[in-house]
Each structure stands twice: as structure tokens, then as C-alpha cells.
Amino acid sequence: MALKLVIGDKNYSSWSLRAALAVELAGVEYDEVLVRLYQPDSRAQLLRHSPTGKVPVLLAEHGPVWDSLAIAEYLAECHPEAQLWPQQRQARALARSVCAEMHSGFSALRSHLPMDLARDQALSELPDAAQADIDRICAIWADCRERFGSTGNYLFGRPCIADAFFAPVAARLRSYHVALPTVAAAYVETIYRWPAFQRWYQAALQEVKR
């Protein structure tokens, strides 16, 4: 069966974006099922596809795979030829570590700078906790680029799952006009030039116009 990826609004659903970029990295064909969030029937619609009632969920041959990190690992396992993780052991360990940190952390950033791809305005005041999250993210990016990014402009040279996980963060930083050090600013530009991200971004802008 063809894969189906169930996602939420492209303008707002950061976890859906992560999963979609992972599927794009795998290079496989899939159908997209978009469920509008924050609607009276959103949960009922989601429960038709996902046992958690949340997005994203990948509908695969042997059943649903939910949670963006699980989806990424499933795709990496099914399509080793796509090299979704870095091939060098040390780089792969770092990539998995920073993805796990992204997956479970940065609550202040999520709370104060929610993903809104159509936004183009700074906050009147950036809370200290959010700035601390941003400083940590910039440090992660600089470390990955310095240690393993010499072969290209992504965190580990070529695009991988780590970039899929940090793409929504890069989008937040641009949407909210956050001042960034040189390496981080260059990485945000790399994400915005990533064709897979650009396709999602343009669709999100069209989505909010409807």
C-alpha cells in the first residue's frame, strides 16, 4: 500500500512538518491527509487515523506509526539507502542526541514562539527562558556544523533527520525576527532554501489565505 501521512495545518503544526521532511528525505511516494486543527470535529477526525488523536501519524503497510521521531526512525529503518541519519558513528550519535533534545525540550521556545510560518513580526519582549532555549539551540547548531558539517550547509553536511527536526525552529526564529549569531543565521537561510521546506512553506502561506 502507498504510505499516507496524516498532518495538521501546515502553518502551525511543527511536528507535522518534521515528519513530512523525514518522508521527503526517504524519497518515497506518499499521500497526504490534512486534518484542520482547532476545529470542533478535529479530534474525531484525527481518531479516525491516529490512536492518540494527534498528528503526525504515518499509515504504513503494517499499521500506523505515530510521533515524529518514531516516524523518522521507521523511515530510516525501511530505507537505509536514503541515509536519513549520518553515516559516521560519532555524527549519528550526535544527530540522535540533538533530535532527542529537540523532541523533549525547549518548552519556553514552544510556549512563547509557537510556529506560525505566515508571521513576520518580532515579539515586543523575548522572555529570558525563551532566550535561553534559543542560545542552547544556536550552540547545538554551531557544534554540529563545526564537527560534522564541512561537506555542505546542513547540520551534518547533507540534509538528514536532524535538519527535519530543527527546521520548525529555524522557521520560528525567522518568523519572530530573532537576532542570531552568524552560524545560526546562515543555517536558517539554508533551511529556507531547502526545496522540501520551501514546498511546505509556500503551501502554508496559501493555507492561511483561504
C-alpha atoms as a PDB file:
ATOM      1  CA  MET A   1       0.000   0.000   0.000  1.00  0.00           C
ATOM      2  CA  ALA A   2       1.063   3.607  -0.538  1.00  0.00           C
ATOM      3  CA  LEU A   3       2.122   5.447   2.580  1.00  0.00           C
ATOM      4  CA  LYS A   4      -0.237   8.047   3.948  1.00  0.00           C
ATOM      5  CA  LEU A   5       0.953  10.866   6.178  1.00  0.00           C
ATOM      6  CA  VAL A   6      -1.714  12.457   8.338  1.00  0.00           C
ATOM      7  CA  ILE A   7      -0.794  16.023   9.250  1.00  0.00           C
ATOM      8  CA  GLY A   8      -2.283  19.160  10.774  1.00  0.00           C
ATOM      9  CA  ASP A   9      -2.329  22.729   9.478  1.00  0.00           C
ATOM     10  CA  LYS A  10       0.912  23.435   7.632  1.00  0.00           C
ATOM     11  CA  ASN A  11       1.159  26.926   9.062  1.00  0.00           C
ATOM     12  CA  TYR A  12       1.048  25.786  12.681  1.00  0.00           C
ATOM     13  CA  SER A  13       1.890  22.093  13.059  1.00  0.00           C
ATOM     14  CA  SER A  14       5.627  21.877  13.677  1.00  0.00           C
ATOM     15  CA  TRP A  15       5.542  18.150  14.400  1.00  0.00           C
ATOM     16  CA  SER A  16       3.748  17.508  11.109  1.00  0.00           C
ATOM     17  CA  LEU A  17       6.480  19.447   9.310  1.00  0.00           C
ATOM     18  CA  ARG A  18       9.179  17.304  10.904  1.00  0.00           C
ATOM     19  CA  ALA A  19       7.513  14.091   9.758  1.00  0.00           C
ATOM     20  CA  ALA A  20       6.865  15.424   6.255  1.00  0.00           C
ATOM     21  CA  LEU A  21      10.502  16.416   5.828  1.00  0.00           C
ATOM     22  CA  ALA A  22      11.580  12.955   7.005  1.00  0.00           C
ATOM     23  CA  VAL A  23       9.333  11.340   4.388  1.00  0.00           C
ATOM     24  CA  GLU A  24      10.779  13.640   1.746  1.00  0.00           C
ATOM     25  CA  LEU A  25      14.291  12.656   2.816  1.00  0.00           C
ATOM     26  CA  ALA A  26      13.354   8.990   2.420  1.00  0.00           C
ATOM     27  CA  GLY A  27      12.388   9.708  -1.179  1.00  0.00           C
ATOM     28  CA  VAL A  28       9.226   7.613  -1.075  1.00  0.00           C
ATOM     29  CA  GLU A  29       5.841   8.307  -2.581  1.00  0.00           C
ATOM     30  CA  TYR A  30       3.061   9.067  -0.152  1.00  0.00           C
ATOM     31  CA  ASP A  31      -0.386  10.560   0.062  1.00  0.00           C
ATOM     32  CA  GLU A  32      -1.027  13.489   2.351  1.00  0.00           C
ATOM     33  CA  VAL A  33      -4.084  13.627   4.600  1.00  0.00           C
ATOM     34  CA  LEU A  34      -4.560  17.062   6.130  1.00  0.00           C
ATOM     35  CA  VAL A  35      -6.820  17.459   9.149  1.00  0.00           C
ATOM     36  CA  ARG A  36      -7.527  21.032  10.159  1.00  0.00           C
ATOM     37  CA  LEU A  37      -6.722  21.573  13.819  1.00  0.00           C
ATOM     38  CA  TYR A  38      -8.602  23.621  16.412  1.00  0.00           C
ATOM     39  CA  GLN A  39     -11.965  22.762  14.822  1.00  0.00           C
ATOM     40  CA  PRO A  40     -14.957  21.289  16.700  1.00  0.00           C
ATOM     41  CA  ASP A  41     -14.518  17.938  14.963  1.00  0.00           C
ATOM     42  CA  SER A  42     -10.704  17.893  14.807  1.00  0.00           C
ATOM     43  CA  ARG A  43     -10.209  15.216  17.456  1.00  0.00           C
ATOM     44  CA  ALA A  44     -12.887  12.981  15.967  1.00  0.00           C
ATOM     45  CA  GLN A  45     -11.268  13.311  12.557  1.00  0.00           C
ATOM     46  CA  LEU A  46      -7.818  12.554  13.962  1.00  0.00           C
ATOM     47  CA  LEU A  47      -9.026   9.498  15.854  1.00  0.00           C
ATOM     48  CA  ARG A  48     -10.055   8.000  12.520  1.00  0.00           C
ATOM     49  CA  HIS A  49      -6.352   7.775  11.693  1.00  0.00           C
ATOM     50  CA  SER A  50      -4.337   8.013  14.922  1.00  0.00           C
ATOM     51  CA  PRO A  51      -4.746   6.082  18.168  1.00  0.00           C
ATOM     52  CA  THR A  52      -3.513   9.159  20.057  1.00  0.00           C
ATOM     53  CA  GLY A  53      -5.792  11.629  18.327  1.00  0.00           C
ATOM     54  CA  LYS A  54      -2.724  13.679  17.412  1.00  0.00           C
ATOM     55  CA  VAL A  55      -0.608  14.425  14.366  1.00  0.00           C
ATOM     56  CA  PRO A  56       1.523  13.332  12.704  1.00  0.00           C
ATOM     57  CA  VAL A  57       0.799   9.697  12.011  1.00  0.00           C
ATOM     58  CA  LEU A  58       2.183   7.610   9.168  1.00  0.00           C
ATOM     59  CA  LEU A  59      -0.190   4.974   7.856  1.00  0.00           C
ATOM     60  CA  ALA A  60       2.049   2.151   6.678  1.00  0.00           C
ATOM     61  CA  GLU A  61       1.504  -1.366   5.406  1.00  0.00           C
ATOM     62  CA  HIS A  62       1.534  -2.987   8.842  1.00  0.00           C
ATOM     63  CA  GLY A  63      -0.318  -0.276  10.728  1.00  0.00           C
ATOM     64  CA  PRO A  64       0.027   3.288  11.973  1.00  0.00           C
ATOM     65  CA  VAL A  65       3.281   4.802  13.164  1.00  0.00           C
ATOM     66  CA  TRP A  66       2.768   7.893  15.304  1.00  0.00           C
ATOM     67  CA  ASP A  67       5.064  10.507  16.814  1.00  0.00           C
ATOM     68  CA  SER A  68       7.515  12.312  14.543  1.00  0.00           C
ATOM     69  CA  LEU A  69      10.630  10.673  15.997  1.00  0.00           C
ATOM     70  CA  ALA A  70       9.152   7.185  15.641  1.00  0.00           C
ATOM     71  CA  ILE A  71       8.170   8.012  12.063  1.00  0.00           C
ATOM     72  CA  ALA A  72      11.692   9.195  11.283  1.00  0.00           C
ATOM     73  CA  GLU A  73      13.252   6.059  12.763  1.00  0.00           C
ATOM     74  CA  TYR A  74      10.770   3.831  10.894  1.00  0.00           C
ATOM     75  CA  LEU A  75      11.649   5.507   7.593  1.00  0.00           C
ATOM     76  CA  ALA A  76      15.380   5.268   8.297  1.00  0.00           C
ATOM     77  CA  GLU A  77      14.995   1.556   9.004  1.00  0.00           C
ATOM     78  CA  CYS A  78      12.847   0.890   5.923  1.00  0.00           C
ATOM     79  CA  HIS A  79      15.043   2.937   3.576  1.00  0.00           C
ATOM     80  CA  PRO A  80      18.680   2.624   4.630  1.00  0.00           C
ATOM     81  CA  GLU A  81      19.765   3.597   1.139  1.00  0.00           C
ATOM     82  CA  ALA A  82      18.401   7.114   1.758  1.00  0.00           C
ATOM     83  CA  GLN A  83      20.855   7.649   4.648  1.00  0.00           C
ATOM     84  CA  LEU A  84      18.438   9.618   6.808  1.00  0.00           C
ATOM     85  CA  TRP A  85      20.982   9.566   9.640  1.00  0.00           C
ATOM     86  CA  PRO A  86      24.667  10.497   9.182  1.00  0.00           C
ATOM     87  CA  GLN A  87      26.798   7.502   8.260  1.00  0.00           C
ATOM     88  CA  GLN A  88      29.697   8.194  10.638  1.00  0.00           C
ATOM     89  CA  ARG A  89      29.023   6.680  14.058  1.00  0.00           C
ATOM     90  CA  GLN A  90      30.006   9.738  16.083  1.00  0.00           C
ATOM     91  CA  ALA A  91      27.970  12.034  13.846  1.00  0.00           C
ATOM     92  CA  ARG A  92      24.981   9.705  14.012  1.00  0.00           C
ATOM     93  CA  ALA A  93      25.165   9.630  17.811  1.00  0.00           C
ATOM     94  CA  LEU A  94      25.234  13.419  17.956  1.00  0.00           C
ATOM     95  CA  ALA A  95      22.362  13.698  15.472  1.00  0.00           C
ATOM     96  CA  ARG A  96      20.234  11.340  17.536  1.00  0.00           C
ATOM     97  CA  SER A  97      21.125  13.193  20.731  1.00  0.00           C
ATOM     98  CA  VAL A  98      20.151  16.620  19.434  1.00  0.00           C
ATOM     99  CA  CYS A  99      16.930  15.253  17.924  1.00  0.00           C
ATOM    100  CA  ALA A 100      16.010  13.723  21.267  1.00  0.00           C
ATOM    101  CA  GLU A 101      16.778  17.031  22.995  1.00  0.00           C
ATOM    102  CA  MET A 102      14.595  18.855  20.486  1.00  0.00           C
ATOM    103  CA  HIS A 103      11.841  16.290  20.873  1.00  0.00           C
ATOM    104  CA  SER A 104      11.609  16.579  24.646  1.00  0.00           C
ATOM    105  CA  GLY A 105      12.881  20.047  25.464  1.00  0.00           C
ATOM    106  CA  PHE A 106      12.722  23.769  24.722  1.00  0.00           C
ATOM    107  CA  SER A 107       9.333  24.290  26.332  1.00  0.00           C
ATOM    108  CA  ALA A 108       9.824  28.045  26.684  1.00  0.00           C
ATOM    109  CA  LEU A 109      10.538  28.413  22.986  1.00  0.00           C
ATOM    110  CA  ARG A 110       7.451  26.371  22.134  1.00  0.00           C
ATOM    111  CA  SER A 111       5.256  28.397  24.503  1.00  0.00           C
ATOM    112  CA  HIS A 112       6.392  31.892  23.605  1.00  0.00           C
ATOM    113  CA  LEU A 113       7.261  31.415  19.920  1.00  0.00           C
ATOM    114  CA  PRO A 114       4.729  28.919  18.546  1.00  0.00           C
ATOM    115  CA  MET A 115       5.204  28.010  14.902  1.00  0.00           C
ATOM    116  CA  ASP A 116       3.396  30.429  12.610  1.00  0.00           C
ATOM    117  CA  LEU A 117       5.011  30.391   9.194  1.00  0.00           C
ATOM    118  CA  ALA A 118       2.959  33.345   7.993  1.00  0.00           C
ATOM    119  CA  ARG A 119       4.113  35.547  10.868  1.00  0.00           C
ATOM    120  CA  ASP A 120       6.620  38.303  10.140  1.00  0.00           C
ATOM    121  CA  GLN A 121       6.913  40.251  13.389  1.00  0.00           C
ATOM    122  CA  ALA A 122       9.105  40.217  16.478  1.00  0.00           C
ATOM    123  CA  LEU A 123       7.744  39.817  19.983  1.00  0.00           C
ATOM    124  CA  SER A 124       7.554  43.049  21.959  1.00  0.00           C
ATOM    125  CA  GLU A 125       9.703  41.326  24.587  1.00  0.00           C
ATOM    126  CA  LEU A 126      11.522  37.989  24.441  1.00  0.00           C
ATOM    127  CA  PRO A 127      11.292  36.172  27.802  1.00  0.00           C
ATOM    128  CA  ASP A 128      14.584  35.127  29.388  1.00  0.00           C
ATOM    129  CA  ALA A 129      13.607  31.444  29.352  1.00  0.00           C
ATOM    130  CA  ALA A 130      12.910  31.581  25.615  1.00  0.00           C
ATOM    131  CA  GLN A 131      16.222  33.344  25.011  1.00  0.00           C
ATOM    132  CA  ALA A 132      17.994  30.623  26.999  1.00  0.00           C
ATOM    133  CA  ASP A 133      16.406  27.992  24.734  1.00  0.00           C
ATOM    134  CA  ILE A 134      17.493  29.946  21.658  1.00  0.00           C
ATOM    135  CA  ASP A 135      21.050  30.238  22.975  1.00  0.00           C
ATOM    136  CA  ARG A 136      21.177  26.479  23.512  1.00  0.00           C
ATOM    137  CA  ILE A 137      19.825  25.813  20.014  1.00  0.00           C
ATOM    138  CA  CYS A 138      22.410  28.113  18.469  1.00  0.00           C
ATOM    139  CA  ALA A 139      25.115  26.259  20.405  1.00  0.00           C
ATOM    140  CA  ILE A 140      23.819  22.927  19.091  1.00  0.00           C
ATOM    141  CA  TRP A 141      23.852  24.169  15.530  1.00  0.00           C
ATOM    142  CA  ALA A 142      27.353  25.591  15.852  1.00  0.00           C
ATOM    143  CA  ASP A 143      28.660  22.334  17.347  1.00  0.00           C
ATOM    144  CA  CYS A 144      27.127  20.167  14.629  1.00  0.00           C
ATOM    145  CA  ARG A 145      28.338  22.450  11.858  1.00  0.00           C
ATOM    146  CA  GLU A 146      31.870  22.689  13.258  1.00  0.00           C
ATOM    147  CA  ARG A 147      32.306  18.983  13.909  1.00  0.00           C
ATOM    148  CA  PHE A 148      30.437  17.366  11.031  1.00  0.00           C
ATOM    149  CA  GLY A 149      29.134  19.993   8.610  1.00  0.00           C
ATOM    150  CA  SER A 150      32.135  20.585   6.375  1.00  0.00           C
ATOM    151  CA  THR A 151      30.662  18.774   3.357  1.00  0.00           C
ATOM    152  CA  GLY A 152      27.612  21.019   2.968  1.00  0.00           C
ATOM    153  CA  ASN A 153      25.417  23.687   4.532  1.00  0.00           C
ATOM    154  CA  TYR A 154      23.200  21.462   6.692  1.00  0.00           C
ATOM    155  CA  LEU A 155      23.931  20.429  10.279  1.00  0.00           C
ATOM    156  CA  PHE A 156      25.823  17.316   9.178  1.00  0.00           C
ATOM    157  CA  GLY A 157      26.712  18.427   5.663  1.00  0.00           C
ATOM    158  CA  ARG A 158      23.871  16.860   3.716  1.00  0.00           C
ATOM    159  CA  PRO A 159      20.241  17.064   4.896  1.00  0.00           C
ATOM    160  CA  CYS A 160      19.218  14.453   7.439  1.00  0.00           C
ATOM    161  CA  ILE A 161      16.659  13.829  10.182  1.00  0.00           C
ATOM    162  CA  ALA A 162      18.347  16.399  12.423  1.00  0.00           C
ATOM    163  CA  ASP A 163      17.536  19.103   9.888  1.00  0.00           C
ATOM    164  CA  ALA A 164      13.946  17.893   9.693  1.00  0.00           C
ATOM    165  CA  PHE A 165      13.691  18.277  13.463  1.00  0.00           C
ATOM    166  CA  PHE A 166      15.235  21.731  13.631  1.00  0.00           C
ATOM    167  CA  ALA A 167      13.549  23.186  10.539  1.00  0.00           C
ATOM    168  CA  PRO A 168      10.477  24.353  12.523  1.00  0.00           C
ATOM    169  CA  VAL A 169      12.828  26.053  14.981  1.00  0.00           C
ATOM    170  CA  ALA A 170      14.607  27.848  12.156  1.00  0.00           C
ATOM    171  CA  ALA A 171      11.191  28.964  10.923  1.00  0.00           C
ATOM    172  CA  ARG A 172      10.247  30.302  14.354  1.00  0.00           C
ATOM    173  CA  LEU A 173      13.451  32.298  14.592  1.00  0.00           C
ATOM    174  CA  ARG A 174      12.809  33.928  11.233  1.00  0.00           C
ATOM    175  CA  SER A 175       9.085  34.488  11.815  1.00  0.00           C
ATOM    176  CA  TYR A 176       9.789  36.262  15.110  1.00  0.00           C
ATOM    177  CA  HIS A 177      12.805  38.226  13.807  1.00  0.00           C
ATOM    178  CA  VAL A 178      15.173  36.800  16.420  1.00  0.00           C
ATOM    179  CA  ALA A 179      18.708  38.179  16.260  1.00  0.00           C
ATOM    180  CA  LEU A 180      21.154  35.329  15.673  1.00  0.00           C
ATOM    181  CA  PRO A 181      24.900  34.706  15.551  1.00  0.00           C
ATOM    182  CA  THR A 182      26.423  34.245  12.110  1.00  0.00           C
ATOM    183  CA  VAL A 183      26.411  30.422  12.017  1.00  0.00           C
ATOM    184  CA  ALA A 184      22.795  30.188  13.166  1.00  0.00           C
ATOM    185  CA  ALA A 185      21.632  32.872  10.725  1.00  0.00           C
ATOM    186  CA  ALA A 186      23.329  31.038   7.864  1.00  0.00           C
ATOM    187  CA  TYR A 187      21.664  27.781   8.909  1.00  0.00           C
ATOM    188  CA  VAL A 188      18.223  29.404   8.953  1.00  0.00           C
ATOM    189  CA  GLU A 189      18.883  30.576   5.399  1.00  0.00           C
ATOM    190  CA  THR A 190      19.880  27.026   4.446  1.00  0.00           C
ATOM    191  CA  ILE A 191      16.577  25.687   5.758  1.00  0.00           C
ATOM    192  CA  TYR A 192      14.602  28.275   3.805  1.00  0.00           C
ATOM    193  CA  ARG A 193      16.461  27.274   0.635  1.00  0.00           C
ATOM    194  CA  TRP A 194      15.784  23.561   1.203  1.00  0.00           C
ATOM    195  CA  PRO A 195      13.335  22.619  -1.586  1.00  0.00           C
ATOM    196  CA  ALA A 196      11.324  20.268   0.650  1.00  0.00           C
ATOM    197  CA  PHE A 197      10.888  23.000   3.254  1.00  0.00           C
ATOM    198  CA  GLN A 198      10.068  25.610   0.605  1.00  0.00           C
ATOM    199  CA  ARG A 199       7.240  23.468  -0.756  1.00  0.00           C
ATOM    200  CA  TRP A 200       5.731  23.168   2.718  1.00  0.00           C
ATOM    201  CA  TYR A 201       6.266  26.870   3.422  1.00  0.00           C
ATOM    202  CA  GLN A 202       4.547  28.021   0.245  1.00  0.00           C
ATOM    203  CA  ALA A 203       1.629  25.675   0.914  1.00  0.00           C
ATOM    204  CA  ALA A 204       1.351  27.094   4.451  1.00  0.00           C
ATOM    205  CA  LEU A 205       1.157  30.642   3.122  1.00  0.00           C
ATOM    206  CA  GLN A 206      -1.602  29.623   0.722  1.00  0.00           C
ATOM    207  CA  GLU A 207      -3.372  27.823   3.542  1.00  0.00           C
ATOM    208  CA  VAL A 208      -3.766  30.970   5.657  1.00  0.00           C
ATOM    209  CA  LYS A 209      -5.113  32.928   2.685  1.00  0.00           C
ATOM    210  CA  ARG A 210      -8.053  30.568   2.280  1.00  0.00           C
END
